Amino acid sequence: VQLQASGGGLVQAGGSLRLSCAASRNIESITVMAWYRQPPGKARELVASNNRSNYTYVGDSAKGRFTISRDNFKNMVYLQMSSLKVEDTAVYYCNAKIVSATGAWTSYWGQGTLVTVSS
């Protein structure tokens, strides 16, 4: 699976951005689609995820501000971010996880898109 993330940029605190992730295959066949981020000098962390059953998880730092959604027809996953804070500054990565019939998980990563929130 190839993933292409886009939509990052520079935004002022309190503003909004929508990140997009284009998948190279039918996302209905992908077990979990997720967004991670890696702030400068810190570890990568899960921001939000959505599985094939449309169960959605949003991390505490993003809860109430970020929304993950998918468009199965376009094979796209989005991360709508609002009320952005300086601490949201990070490289955001699109991630796809597929579980095989044997229970083995395979993870795929996009190239990352930089979000910079200024004060």
PDB file of N, CA and C in Angstrom:
ATOM      1  N   VAL A   1       0.851  -1.184   0.000  1.00  0.00           N
ATOM      2  CA  VAL A   1       0.000   0.000   0.000  1.00  0.00           C
ATOM      3  C   VAL A   1       0.891   1.240   0.000  1.00  0.00           C
ATOM      4  N   GLN A   2       0.631   2.139  -0.917  1.00  0.00           N
ATOM      5  CA  GLN A   2       1.339   3.422  -0.929  1.00  0.00           C
ATOM      6  C   GLN A   2       0.389   4.494  -0.436  1.00  0.00           C
ATOM      7  N   LEU A   3       0.923   5.357   0.406  1.00  0.00           N
ATOM      8  CA  LEU A   3       0.118   6.410   1.018  1.00  0.00           C
ATOM      9  C   LEU A   3       0.750   7.759   0.713  1.00  0.00           C
ATOM     10  N   GLN A   4      -0.064   8.695   0.322  1.00  0.00           N
ATOM     11  CA  GLN A   4       0.409  10.035  -0.010  1.00  0.00           C
ATOM     12  C   GLN A   4      -0.336  11.045   0.840  1.00  0.00           C
ATOM     13  N   ALA A   5       0.378  11.641   1.790  1.00  0.00           N
ATOM     14  CA  ALA A   5      -0.241  12.627   2.668  1.00  0.00           C
ATOM     15  C   ALA A   5      -0.014  14.033   2.121  1.00  0.00           C
ATOM     16  N   SER A   6      -0.993  14.887   2.340  1.00  0.00           N
ATOM     17  CA  SER A   6      -0.881  16.274   1.894  1.00  0.00           C
ATOM     18  C   SER A   6      -1.746  17.158   2.788  1.00  0.00           C
ATOM     19  N   GLY A   7      -1.589  18.461   2.616  1.00  0.00           N
ATOM     20  CA  GLY A   7      -2.426  19.403   3.329  1.00  0.00           C
ATOM     21  C   GLY A   7      -1.760  20.139   4.470  1.00  0.00           C
ATOM     22  N   GLY A   8      -0.528  19.776   4.790  1.00  0.00           N
ATOM     23  CA  GLY A   8       0.166  20.468   5.857  1.00  0.00           C
ATOM     24  C   GLY A   8       0.528  21.886   5.449  1.00  0.00           C
ATOM     25  N   GLY A   9       0.956  22.650   6.438  1.00  0.00           N
ATOM     26  CA  GLY A   9       1.349  24.018   6.157  1.00  0.00           C
ATOM     27  C   GLY A   9       1.476  24.819   7.437  1.00  0.00           C
ATOM     28  N   LEU A  10       1.584  26.110   7.262  1.00  0.00           N
ATOM     29  CA  LEU A  10       1.721  27.042   8.385  1.00  0.00           C
ATOM     30  C   LEU A  10       0.359  27.664   8.683  1.00  0.00           C
ATOM     31  N   VAL A  11      -0.030  27.616   9.947  1.00  0.00           N
ATOM     32  CA  VAL A  11      -1.321  28.158  10.348  1.00  0.00           C
ATOM     33  C   VAL A  11      -1.168  28.813  11.715  1.00  0.00           C
ATOM     34  N   GLN A  12      -1.967  29.821  11.957  1.00  0.00           N
ATOM     35  CA  GLN A  12      -1.924  30.481  13.253  1.00  0.00           C
ATOM     36  C   GLN A  12      -2.701  29.678  14.291  1.00  0.00           C
ATOM     37  N   ALA A  13      -2.317  29.833  15.526  1.00  0.00           N
ATOM     38  CA  ALA A  13      -3.042  29.169  16.610  1.00  0.00           C
ATOM     39  C   ALA A  13      -4.513  29.551  16.548  1.00  0.00           C
ATOM     40  N   GLY A  14      -5.358  28.550  16.748  1.00  0.00           N
ATOM     41  CA  GLY A  14      -6.793  28.755  16.658  1.00  0.00           C
ATOM     42  C   GLY A  14      -7.356  28.456  15.279  1.00  0.00           C
ATOM     43  N   GLY A  15      -6.478  28.304  14.316  1.00  0.00           N
ATOM     44  CA  GLY A  15      -6.907  28.044  12.948  1.00  0.00           C
ATOM     45  C   GLY A  15      -7.203  26.578  12.693  1.00  0.00           C
ATOM     46  N   SER A  16      -7.475  26.283  11.412  1.00  0.00           N
ATOM     47  CA  SER A  16      -7.856  24.935  11.006  1.00  0.00           C
ATOM     48  C   SER A  16      -7.054  24.490   9.793  1.00  0.00           C
ATOM     49  N   LEU A  17      -6.899  23.197   9.675  1.00  0.00           N
ATOM     50  CA  LEU A  17      -6.286  22.577   8.502  1.00  0.00           C
ATOM     51  C   LEU A  17      -6.945  21.231   8.276  1.00  0.00           C
ATOM     52  N   ARG A  18      -6.972  20.799   7.027  1.00  0.00           N
ATOM     53  CA  ARG A  18      -7.423  19.452   6.736  1.00  0.00           C
ATOM     54  C   ARG A  18      -6.310  18.704   6.029  1.00  0.00           C
ATOM     55  N   LEU A  19      -5.895  17.613   6.617  1.00  0.00           N
ATOM     56  CA  LEU A  19      -4.903  16.751   6.002  1.00  0.00           C
ATOM     57  C   LEU A  19      -5.615  15.672   5.202  1.00  0.00           C
ATOM     58  N   SER A  20      -5.004  15.313   4.098  1.00  0.00           N
ATOM     59  CA  SER A  20      -5.558  14.271   3.247  1.00  0.00           C
ATOM     60  C   SER A  20      -4.536  13.160   3.059  1.00  0.00           C
ATOM     61  N   CYS A  21      -5.033  11.960   2.932  1.00  0.00           N
ATOM     62  CA  CYS A  21      -4.168  10.804   2.677  1.00  0.00           C
ATOM     63  C   CYS A  21      -4.801   9.987   1.563  1.00  0.00           C
ATOM     64  N   ALA A  22      -4.064   9.864   0.476  1.00  0.00           N
ATOM     65  CA  ALA A  22      -4.523   9.068  -0.652  1.00  0.00           C
ATOM     66  C   ALA A  22      -3.870   7.699  -0.599  1.00  0.00           C
ATOM     67  N   ALA A  23      -4.686   6.659  -0.653  1.00  0.00           N
ATOM     68  CA  ALA A  23      -4.180   5.284  -0.617  1.00  0.00           C
ATOM     69  C   ALA A  23      -4.191   4.705  -2.028  1.00  0.00           C
ATOM     70  N   SER A  24      -3.243   3.817  -2.272  1.00  0.00           N
ATOM     71  CA  SER A  24      -3.092   3.240  -3.616  1.00  0.00           C
ATOM     72  C   SER A  24      -3.996   2.037  -3.834  1.00  0.00           C
ATOM     73  N   ARG A  25      -4.746   1.656  -2.800  1.00  0.00           N
ATOM     74  CA  ARG A  25      -5.658   0.538  -2.957  1.00  0.00           C
ATOM     75  C   ARG A  25      -6.963   0.837  -2.243  1.00  0.00           C
ATOM     76  N   ASN A  26      -7.931  -0.010  -2.464  1.00  0.00           N
ATOM     77  CA  ASN A  26      -9.240   0.140  -1.859  1.00  0.00           C
ATOM     78  C   ASN A  26      -9.115   0.141  -0.333  1.00  0.00           C
ATOM     79  N   ILE A  27      -9.461   1.261   0.304  1.00  0.00           N
ATOM     80  CA  ILE A  27      -9.253   1.345   1.758  1.00  0.00           C
ATOM     81  C   ILE A  27     -10.245   0.486   2.533  1.00  0.00           C
ATOM     82  N   GLU A  28     -11.280   0.009   1.858  1.00  0.00           N
ATOM     83  CA  GLU A  28     -12.198  -0.906   2.550  1.00  0.00           C
ATOM     84  C   GLU A  28     -11.508  -2.230   2.845  1.00  0.00           C
ATOM     85  N   SER A  29     -10.404  -2.492   2.150  1.00  0.00           N
ATOM     86  CA  SER A  29      -9.639  -3.716   2.398  1.00  0.00           C
ATOM     87  C   SER A  29      -8.552  -3.511   3.459  1.00  0.00           C
ATOM     88  N   ILE A  30      -8.422  -2.289   3.930  1.00  0.00           N
ATOM     89  CA  ILE A  30      -7.410  -1.964   4.939  1.00  0.00           C
ATOM     90  C   ILE A  30      -8.059  -2.015   6.319  1.00  0.00           C
ATOM     91  N   THR A  31      -7.424  -2.713   7.225  1.00  0.00           N
ATOM     92  CA  THR A  31      -8.029  -2.957   8.533  1.00  0.00           C
ATOM     93  C   THR A  31      -8.183  -1.662   9.336  1.00  0.00           C
ATOM     94  N   VAL A  32      -7.103  -0.905   9.413  1.00  0.00           N
ATOM     95  CA  VAL A  32      -7.116   0.341  10.180  1.00  0.00           C
ATOM     96  C   VAL A  32      -6.396   1.425   9.398  1.00  0.00           C
ATOM     97  N   MET A  33      -7.004   2.579   9.299  1.00  0.00           N
ATOM     98  CA  MET A  33      -6.339   3.776   8.769  1.00  0.00           C
ATOM     99  C   MET A  33      -6.137   4.733   9.939  1.00  0.00           C
ATOM    100  N   ALA A  34      -4.969   5.357   9.991  1.00  0.00           N
ATOM    101  CA  ALA A  34      -4.674   6.189  11.147  1.00  0.00           C
ATOM    102  C   ALA A  34      -3.794   7.374  10.770  1.00  0.00           C
ATOM    103  N   TRP A  35      -3.814   8.346  11.642  1.00  0.00           N
ATOM    104  CA  TRP A  35      -2.899   9.474  11.559  1.00  0.00           C
ATOM    105  C   TRP A  35      -2.021   9.463  12.812  1.00  0.00           C
ATOM    106  N   TYR A  36      -0.736   9.590  12.596  1.00  0.00           N
ATOM    107  CA  TYR A  36       0.239   9.749  13.670  1.00  0.00           C
ATOM    108  C   TYR A  36       0.909  11.109  13.484  1.00  0.00           C
ATOM    109  N   ARG A  37       1.580  11.545  14.539  1.00  0.00           N
ATOM    110  CA  ARG A  37       2.381  12.758  14.399  1.00  0.00           C
ATOM    111  C   ARG A  37       3.659  12.637  15.211  1.00  0.00           C
ATOM    112  N   GLN A  38       4.653  13.380  14.777  1.00  0.00           N
ATOM    113  CA  GLN A  38       5.930  13.398  15.488  1.00  0.00           C
ATOM    114  C   GLN A  38       6.363  14.842  15.688  1.00  0.00           C
ATOM    115  N   PRO A  39       6.168  15.362  16.899  1.00  0.00           N
ATOM    116  CA  PRO A  39       6.626  16.727  17.188  1.00  0.00           C
ATOM    117  C   PRO A  39       8.150  16.783  17.171  1.00  0.00           C
ATOM    118  N   PRO A  40       8.713  17.956  16.975  1.00  0.00           N
ATOM    119  CA  PRO A  40      10.177  18.085  16.947  1.00  0.00           C
ATOM    120  C   PRO A  40      10.821  17.542  18.223  1.00  0.00           C
ATOM    121  N   GLY A  41      11.758  16.622  18.061  1.00  0.00           N
ATOM    122  CA  GLY A  41      12.480  16.083  19.187  1.00  0.00           C
ATOM    123  C   GLY A  41      11.708  15.087  20.037  1.00  0.00           C
ATOM    124  N   LYS A  42      10.544  14.689  19.571  1.00  0.00           N
ATOM    125  CA  LYS A  42       9.731  13.764  20.369  1.00  0.00           C
ATOM    126  C   LYS A  42       9.400  12.511  19.573  1.00  0.00           C
ATOM    127  N   ALA A  43       8.816  11.548  20.260  1.00  0.00           N
ATOM    128  CA  ALA A  43       8.463  10.296  19.614  1.00  0.00           C
ATOM    129  C   ALA A  43       7.173  10.441  18.811  1.00  0.00           C
ATOM    130  N   ARG A  44       7.028   9.547  17.860  1.00  0.00           N
ATOM    131  CA  ARG A  44       5.799   9.523  17.074  1.00  0.00           C
ATOM    132  C   ARG A  44       4.647   9.047  17.958  1.00  0.00           C
ATOM    133  N   GLU A  45       3.478   9.658  17.762  1.00  0.00           N
ATOM    134  CA  GLU A  45       2.319   9.298  18.584  1.00  0.00           C
ATOM    135  C   GLU A  45       1.073   9.172  17.726  1.00  0.00           C
ATOM    136  N   LEU A  46       0.162   8.331  18.172  1.00  0.00           N
ATOM    137  CA  LEU A  46      -1.096   8.147  17.469  1.00  0.00           C
ATOM    138  C   LEU A  46      -2.008   9.338  17.735  1.00  0.00           C
ATOM    139  N   VAL A  47      -2.559   9.891  16.681  1.00  0.00           N
ATOM    140  CA  VAL A  47      -3.492  11.006  16.798  1.00  0.00           C
ATOM    141  C   VAL A  47      -4.926  10.503  16.719  1.00  0.00           C
ATOM    142  N   ALA A  48      -5.224   9.728  15.683  1.00  0.00           N
ATOM    143  CA  ALA A  48      -6.581   9.229  15.496  1.00  0.00           C
ATOM    144  C   ALA A  48      -6.542   8.037  14.555  1.00  0.00           C
ATOM    145  N   SER A  49      -7.538   7.175  14.677  1.00  0.00           N
ATOM    146  CA  SER A  49      -7.616   6.016  13.788  1.00  0.00           C
ATOM    147  C   SER A  49      -9.071   5.686  13.505  1.00  0.00           C
ATOM    148  N   ASN A  50      -9.237   4.946  12.419  1.00  0.00           N
ATOM    149  CA  ASN A  50     -10.576   4.540  11.994  1.00  0.00           C
ATOM    150  C   ASN A  50     -10.449   3.159  11.379  1.00  0.00           C
ATOM    151  N   ASN A  51     -11.291   2.209  11.816  1.00  0.00           N
ATOM    152  CA  ASN A  51     -11.152   0.863  11.265  1.00  0.00           C
ATOM    153  C   ASN A  51     -12.281   0.559  10.282  1.00  0.00           C
ATOM    154  N   ARG A  52     -12.234  -0.638   9.728  1.00  0.00           N
ATOM    155  CA  ARG A  52     -13.188  -1.008   8.683  1.00  0.00           C
ATOM    156  C   ARG A  52     -14.625  -1.006   9.177  1.00  0.00           C
ATOM    157  N   SER A  53     -14.797  -1.198  10.471  1.00  0.00           N
ATOM    158  CA  SER A  53     -16.143  -1.163  11.047  1.00  0.00           C
ATOM    159  C   SER A  53     -16.563   0.263  11.386  1.00  0.00           C
ATOM    160  N   ASN A  54     -15.731   1.204  10.970  1.00  0.00           N
ATOM    161  CA  ASN A  54     -15.979   2.629  11.206  1.00  0.00           C
ATOM    162  C   ASN A  54     -15.888   2.992  12.678  1.00  0.00           C
ATOM    163  N   TYR A  55     -15.187   2.181  13.453  1.00  0.00           N
ATOM    164  CA  TYR A  55     -14.908   2.560  14.840  1.00  0.00           C
ATOM    165  C   TYR A  55     -13.778   3.578  14.813  1.00  0.00           C
ATOM    166  N   THR A  56     -13.969   4.649  15.525  1.00  0.00           N
ATOM    167  CA  THR A  56     -13.010   5.745  15.516  1.00  0.00           C
ATOM    168  C   THR A  56     -12.404   5.947  16.897  1.00  0.00           C
ATOM    169  N   TYR A  57     -11.107   6.143  16.890  1.00  0.00           N
ATOM    170  CA  TYR A  57     -10.393   6.492  18.130  1.00  0.00           C
ATOM    171  C   TYR A  57      -9.722   7.838  17.910  1.00  0.00           C
ATOM    172  N   VAL A  58      -9.829   8.690  18.890  1.00  0.00           N
ATOM    173  CA  VAL A  58      -9.122   9.975  18.850  1.00  0.00           C
ATOM    174  C   VAL A  58      -8.360  10.130  20.159  1.00  0.00           C
ATOM    175  N   GLY A  59      -7.099  10.435  20.058  1.00  0.00           N
ATOM    176  CA  GLY A  59      -6.261  10.579  21.239  1.00  0.00           C
ATOM    177  C   GLY A  59      -6.682  11.765  22.095  1.00  0.00           C
ATOM    178  N   ASP A  60      -6.290  11.718  23.338  1.00  0.00           N
ATOM    179  CA  ASP A  60      -6.705  12.751  24.295  1.00  0.00           C
ATOM    180  C   ASP A  60      -6.284  14.151  23.850  1.00  0.00           C
ATOM    181  N   SER A  61      -5.098  14.261  23.265  1.00  0.00           N
ATOM    182  CA  SER A  61      -4.604  15.583  22.876  1.00  0.00           C
ATOM    183  C   SER A  61      -5.401  16.176  21.719  1.00  0.00           C
ATOM    184  N   ALA A  62      -6.109  15.343  20.991  1.00  0.00           N
ATOM    185  CA  ALA A  62      -6.855  15.801  19.819  1.00  0.00           C
ATOM    186  C   ALA A  62      -8.366  15.769  20.020  1.00  0.00           C
ATOM    187  N   LYS A  63      -8.797  15.185  21.097  1.00  0.00           N
ATOM    188  CA  LYS A  63     -10.219  14.983  21.319  1.00  0.00           C
ATOM    189  C   LYS A  63     -10.964  16.319  21.357  1.00  0.00           C
ATOM    190  N   GLY A  64     -12.062  16.349  20.617  1.00  0.00           N
ATOM    191  CA  GLY A  64     -12.865  17.558  20.558  1.00  0.00           C
ATOM    192  C   GLY A  64     -12.392  18.581  19.544  1.00  0.00           C
ATOM    193  N   ARG A  65     -11.195  18.354  18.983  1.00  0.00           N
ATOM    194  CA  ARG A  65     -10.642  19.313  18.020  1.00  0.00           C
ATOM    195  C   ARG A  65     -10.369  18.688  16.660  1.00  0.00           C
ATOM    196  N   PHE A  66      -9.999  17.416  16.646  1.00  0.00           N
ATOM    197  CA  PHE A  66      -9.655  16.740  15.398  1.00  0.00           C
ATOM    198  C   PHE A  66     -10.703  15.681  15.077  1.00  0.00           C
ATOM    199  N   THR A  67     -10.925  15.502  13.782  1.00  0.00           N
ATOM    200  CA  THR A  67     -11.871  14.487  13.326  1.00  0.00           C
ATOM    201  C   THR A  67     -11.232  13.692  12.197  1.00  0.00           C
ATOM    202  N   ILE A  68     -11.270  12.379  12.314  1.00  0.00           N
ATOM    203  CA  ILE A  68     -10.791  11.521  11.237  1.00  0.00           C
ATOM    204  C   ILE A  68     -11.987  11.016  10.456  1.00  0.00           C
ATOM    205  N   SER A  69     -11.847  10.981   9.153  1.00  0.00           N
ATOM    206  CA  SER A  69     -12.942  10.488   8.320  1.00  0.00           C
ATOM    207  C   SER A  69     -12.353   9.816   7.090  1.00  0.00           C
ATOM    208  N   ARG A  70     -13.173   9.058   6.418  1.00  0.00           N
ATOM    209  CA  ARG A  70     -12.712   8.358   5.231  1.00  0.00           C
ATOM    210  C   ARG A  70     -13.741   8.489   4.124  1.00  0.00           C
ATOM    211  N   ASP A  71     -13.237   8.440   2.909  1.00  0.00           N
ATOM    212  CA  ASP A  71     -14.072   8.394   1.713  1.00  0.00           C
ATOM    213  C   ASP A  71     -13.684   7.122   0.974  1.00  0.00           C
ATOM    214  N   ASN A  72     -14.466   6.076   1.165  1.00  0.00           N
ATOM    215  CA  ASN A  72     -14.130   4.784   0.574  1.00  0.00           C
ATOM    216  C   ASN A  72     -14.150   4.835  -0.956  1.00  0.00           C
ATOM    217  N   PHE A  73     -14.998   5.676  -1.508  1.00  0.00           N
ATOM    218  CA  PHE A  73     -15.094   5.761  -2.972  1.00  0.00           C
ATOM    219  C   PHE A  73     -13.818   6.333  -3.564  1.00  0.00           C
ATOM    220  N   LYS A  74     -13.244   7.321  -2.865  1.00  0.00           N
ATOM    221  CA  LYS A  74     -12.030   7.977  -3.371  1.00  0.00           C
ATOM    222  C   LYS A  74     -10.750   7.358  -2.794  1.00  0.00           C
ATOM    223  N   ASN A  75     -10.906   6.398  -1.886  1.00  0.00           N
ATOM    224  CA  ASN A  75      -9.739   5.817  -1.200  1.00  0.00           C
ATOM    225  C   ASN A  75      -8.921   6.894  -0.494  1.00  0.00           C
ATOM    226  N   MET A  76      -9.614   7.753   0.202  1.00  0.00           N
ATOM    227  CA  MET A  76      -8.984   8.862   0.903  1.00  0.00           C
ATOM    228  C   MET A  76      -9.343   8.810   2.386  1.00  0.00           C
ATOM    229  N   VAL A  77      -8.411   9.263   3.195  1.00  0.00           N
ATOM    230  CA  VAL A  77      -8.646   9.445   4.627  1.00  0.00           C
ATOM    231  C   VAL A  77      -8.257  10.876   4.963  1.00  0.00           C
ATOM    232  N   TYR A  78      -9.032  11.485   5.820  1.00  0.00           N
ATOM    233  CA  TYR A  78      -8.809  12.885   6.147  1.00  0.00           C
ATOM    234  C   TYR A  78      -8.628  13.070   7.651  1.00  0.00           C
ATOM    235  N   LEU A  79      -7.926  14.125   7.979  1.00  0.00           N
ATOM    236  CA  LEU A  79      -7.839  14.548   9.378  1.00  0.00           C
ATOM    237  C   LEU A  79      -8.187  16.028   9.400  1.00  0.00           C
ATOM    238  N   GLN A  80      -9.375  16.325   9.873  1.00  0.00           N
ATOM    239  CA  GLN A  80      -9.796  17.715  10.017  1.00  0.00           C
ATOM    240  C   GLN A  80      -9.347  18.212  11.380  1.00  0.00           C
ATOM    241  N   MET A  81      -8.527  19.251  11.369  1.00  0.00           N
ATOM    242  CA  MET A  81      -7.971  19.783  12.607  1.00  0.00           C
ATOM    243  C   MET A  81      -8.474  21.201  12.813  1.00  0.00           C
ATOM    244  N   SER A  82      -9.013  21.455  13.976  1.00  0.00           N
ATOM    245  CA  SER A  82      -9.485  22.797  14.292  1.00  0.00           C
ATOM    246  C   SER A  82      -8.950  23.220  15.659  1.00  0.00           C
ATOM    247  N   SER A  83      -9.111  24.479  15.965  1.00  0.00           N
ATOM    248  CA  SER A  83      -8.604  25.032  17.233  1.00  0.00           C
ATOM    249  C   SER A  83      -7.162  24.615  17.463  1.00  0.00           C
ATOM    250  N   LEU A  84      -6.354  24.765  16.429  1.00  0.00           N
ATOM    251  CA  LEU A  84      -4.975  24.302  16.496  1.00  0.00           C
ATOM    252  C   LEU A  84      -4.177  25.076  17.534  1.00  0.00           C
ATOM    253  N   LYS A  85      -3.271  24.338  18.164  1.00  0.00           N
ATOM    254  CA  LYS A  85      -2.412  24.900  19.195  1.00  0.00           C
ATOM    255  C   LYS A  85      -0.957  24.796  18.748  1.00  0.00           C
ATOM    256  N   VAL A  86      -0.119  25.611  19.345  1.00  0.00           N
ATOM    257  CA  VAL A  86       1.304  25.570  18.999  1.00  0.00           C
ATOM    258  C   VAL A  86       1.861  24.153  19.198  1.00  0.00           C
ATOM    259  N   GLU A  87       1.381  23.479  20.210  1.00  0.00           N
ATOM    260  CA  GLU A  87       1.876  22.128  20.513  1.00  0.00           C
ATOM    261  C   GLU A  87       1.405  21.069  19.516  1.00  0.00           C
ATOM    262  N   ASP A  88       0.545  21.450  18.591  1.00  0.00           N
ATOM    263  CA  ASP A  88       0.158  20.541  17.511  1.00  0.00           C
ATOM    264  C   ASP A  88       1.201  20.526  16.389  1.00  0.00           C
ATOM    265  N   THR A  89       2.176  21.394  16.474  1.00  0.00           N
ATOM    266  CA  THR A  89       3.236  21.427  15.477  1.00  0.00           C
ATOM    267  C   THR A  89       3.953  20.090  15.424  1.00  0.00           C
ATOM    268  N   ALA A  90       3.993  19.494  14.241  1.00  0.00           N
ATOM    269  CA  ALA A  90       4.573  18.161  14.083  1.00  0.00           C
ATOM    270  C   ALA A  90       4.554  17.774  12.614  1.00  0.00           C
ATOM    271  N   VAL A  91       5.272  16.713  12.320  1.00  0.00           N
ATOM    272  CA  VAL A  91       5.106  16.049  11.026  1.00  0.00           C
ATOM    273  C   VAL A  91       4.001  15.008  11.222  1.00  0.00           C
ATOM    274  N   TYR A  92       3.002  15.079  10.376  1.00  0.00           N
ATOM    275  CA  TYR A  92       1.861  14.176  10.471  1.00  0.00           C
ATOM    276  C   TYR A  92       2.005  13.078   9.420  1.00  0.00           C
ATOM    277  N   TYR A  93       1.802  11.857   9.864  1.00  0.00           N
ATOM    278  CA  TYR A  93       1.967  10.696   8.995  1.00  0.00           C
ATOM    279  C   TYR A  93       0.658   9.933   8.863  1.00  0.00           C
ATOM    280  N   CYS A  94       0.391   9.528   7.653  1.00  0.00           N
ATOM    281  CA  CYS A  94      -0.723   8.635   7.385  1.00  0.00           C
ATOM    282  C   CYS A  94      -0.224   7.198   7.548  1.00  0.00           C
ATOM    283  N   ASN A  95      -1.047   6.358   8.114  1.00  0.00           N
ATOM    284  CA  ASN A  95      -0.661   4.970   8.382  1.00  0.00           C
ATOM    285  C   ASN A  95      -1.796   4.029   8.026  1.00  0.00           C
ATOM    286  N   ALA A  96      -1.423   2.900   7.453  1.00  0.00           N
ATOM    287  CA  ALA A  96      -2.400   1.859   7.149  1.00  0.00           C
ATOM    288  C   ALA A  96      -1.918   0.547   7.756  1.00  0.00           C
ATOM    289  N   LYS A  97      -2.827  -0.149   8.400  1.00  0.00           N
ATOM    290  CA  LYS A  97      -2.488  -1.458   8.985  1.00  0.00           C
ATOM    291  C   LYS A  97      -3.432  -2.500   8.404  1.00  0.00           C
ATOM    292  N   ILE A  98      -2.840  -3.604   7.978  1.00  0.00           N
ATOM    293  CA  ILE A  98      -3.619  -4.687   7.407  1.00  0.00           C
ATOM    294  C   ILE A  98      -3.317  -5.961   8.187  1.00  0.00           C
ATOM    295  N   VAL A  99      -4.367  -6.644   8.594  1.00  0.00           N
ATOM    296  CA  VAL A  99      -4.190  -7.913   9.268  1.00  0.00           C
ATOM    297  C   VAL A  99      -4.499  -9.029   8.283  1.00  0.00           C
ATOM    298  N   SER A 100      -3.622 -10.021   8.249  1.00  0.00           N
ATOM    299  CA  SER A 100      -3.805 -11.131   7.314  1.00  0.00           C
ATOM    300  C   SER A 100      -4.724 -12.184   7.923  1.00  0.00           C
ATOM    301  N   ALA A 101      -5.040 -13.181   7.127  1.00  0.00           N
ATOM    302  CA  ALA A 101      -5.891 -14.275   7.606  1.00  0.00           C
ATOM    303  C   ALA A 101      -5.233 -15.042   8.753  1.00  0.00           C
ATOM    304  N   THR A 102      -3.917 -14.971   8.839  1.00  0.00           N
ATOM    305  CA  THR A 102      -3.192 -15.663   9.908  1.00  0.00           C
ATOM    306  C   THR A 102      -3.039 -14.791  11.147  1.00  0.00           C
ATOM    307  N   GLY A 103      -3.529 -13.554  11.067  1.00  0.00           N
ATOM    308  CA  GLY A 103      -3.429 -12.672  12.223  1.00  0.00           C
ATOM    309  C   GLY A 103      -2.196 -11.802  12.248  1.00  0.00           C
ATOM    310  N   ALA A 104      -1.386 -11.873  11.211  1.00  0.00           N
ATOM    311  CA  ALA A 104      -0.174 -11.053  11.144  1.00  0.00           C
ATOM    312  C   ALA A 104      -0.524  -9.647  10.673  1.00  0.00           C
ATOM    313  N   TRP A 105       0.045  -8.646  11.346  1.00  0.00           N
ATOM    314  CA  TRP A 105      -0.218  -7.250  11.002  1.00  0.00           C
ATOM    315  C   TRP A 105       0.930  -6.694  10.173  1.00  0.00           C
ATOM    316  N   THR A 106       0.592  -5.930   9.165  1.00  0.00           N
ATOM    317  CA  THR A 106       1.576  -5.206   8.365  1.00  0.00           C
ATOM    318  C   THR A 106       1.207  -3.731   8.383  1.00  0.00           C
ATOM    319  N   SER A 107       2.217  -2.899   8.604  1.00  0.00           N
ATOM    320  CA  SER A 107       1.974  -1.457   8.719  1.00  0.00           C
ATOM    321  C   SER A 107       2.648  -0.733   7.563  1.00  0.00           C
ATOM    322  N   TYR A 108       1.957   0.237   7.014  1.00  0.00           N
ATOM    323  CA  TYR A 108       2.479   1.043   5.907  1.00  0.00           C
ATOM    324  C   TYR A 108       2.429   2.514   6.302  1.00  0.00           C
ATOM    325  N   TRP A 109       3.439   3.267   5.852  1.00  0.00           N
ATOM    326  CA  TRP A 109       3.537   4.683   6.201  1.00  0.00           C
ATOM    327  C   TRP A 109       3.615   5.567   4.976  1.00  0.00           C
ATOM    328  N   GLY A 110       2.974   6.707   5.068  1.00  0.00           N
ATOM    329  CA  GLY A 110       3.157   7.749   4.070  1.00  0.00           C
ATOM    330  C   GLY A 110       4.398   8.557   4.395  1.00  0.00           C
ATOM    331  N   GLN A 111       4.654   9.566   3.590  1.00  0.00           N
ATOM    332  CA  GLN A 111       5.907  10.308   3.707  1.00  0.00           C
ATOM    333  C   GLN A 111       5.868  11.426   4.745  1.00  0.00           C
ATOM    334  N   GLY A 112       4.715  11.755   5.269  1.00  0.00           N
ATOM    335  CA  GLY A 112       4.606  12.805   6.272  1.00  0.00           C
ATOM    336  C   GLY A 112       4.350  14.171   5.656  1.00  0.00           C
ATOM    337  N   THR A 113       3.586  14.953   6.375  1.00  0.00           N
ATOM    338  CA  THR A 113       3.328  16.329   5.962  1.00  0.00           C
ATOM    339  C   THR A 113       3.477  17.223   7.194  1.00  0.00           C
ATOM    340  N   LEU A 114       4.209  18.315   7.032  1.00  0.00           N
ATOM    341  CA  LEU A 114       4.552  19.170   8.173  1.00  0.00           C
ATOM    342  C   LEU A 114       3.440  20.162   8.466  1.00  0.00           C
ATOM    343  N   VAL A 115       3.027  20.186   9.714  1.00  0.00           N
ATOM    344  CA  VAL A 115       2.071  21.181  10.199  1.00  0.00           C
ATOM    345  C   VAL A 115       2.796  22.068  11.208  1.00  0.00           C
ATOM    346  N   THR A 116       2.802  23.350  10.956  1.00  0.00           N
ATOM    347  CA  THR A 116       3.428  24.304  11.859  1.00  0.00           C
ATOM    348  C   THR A 116       2.362  25.282  12.330  1.00  0.00           C
ATOM    349  N   VAL A 117       2.194  25.358  13.634  1.00  0.00           N
ATOM    350  CA  VAL A 117       1.212  26.268  14.220  1.00  0.00           C
ATOM    351  C   VAL A 117       1.962  27.383  14.928  1.00  0.00           C
ATOM    352  N   SER A 118       1.709  28.602  14.505  1.00  0.00           N
ATOM    353  CA  SER A 118       2.401  29.749  15.090  1.00  0.00           C
ATOM    354  C   SER A 118       1.520  30.433  16.133  1.00  0.00           C
ATOM    355  N   SER A 119       2.182  31.063  17.080  1.00  0.00           N
ATOM    356  CA  SER A 119       1.431  31.726  18.157  1.00  0.00           C
ATOM    357  C   SER A 119       1.037  33.136  17.775  1.00  0.00           C
TER     358      SER A 119
END
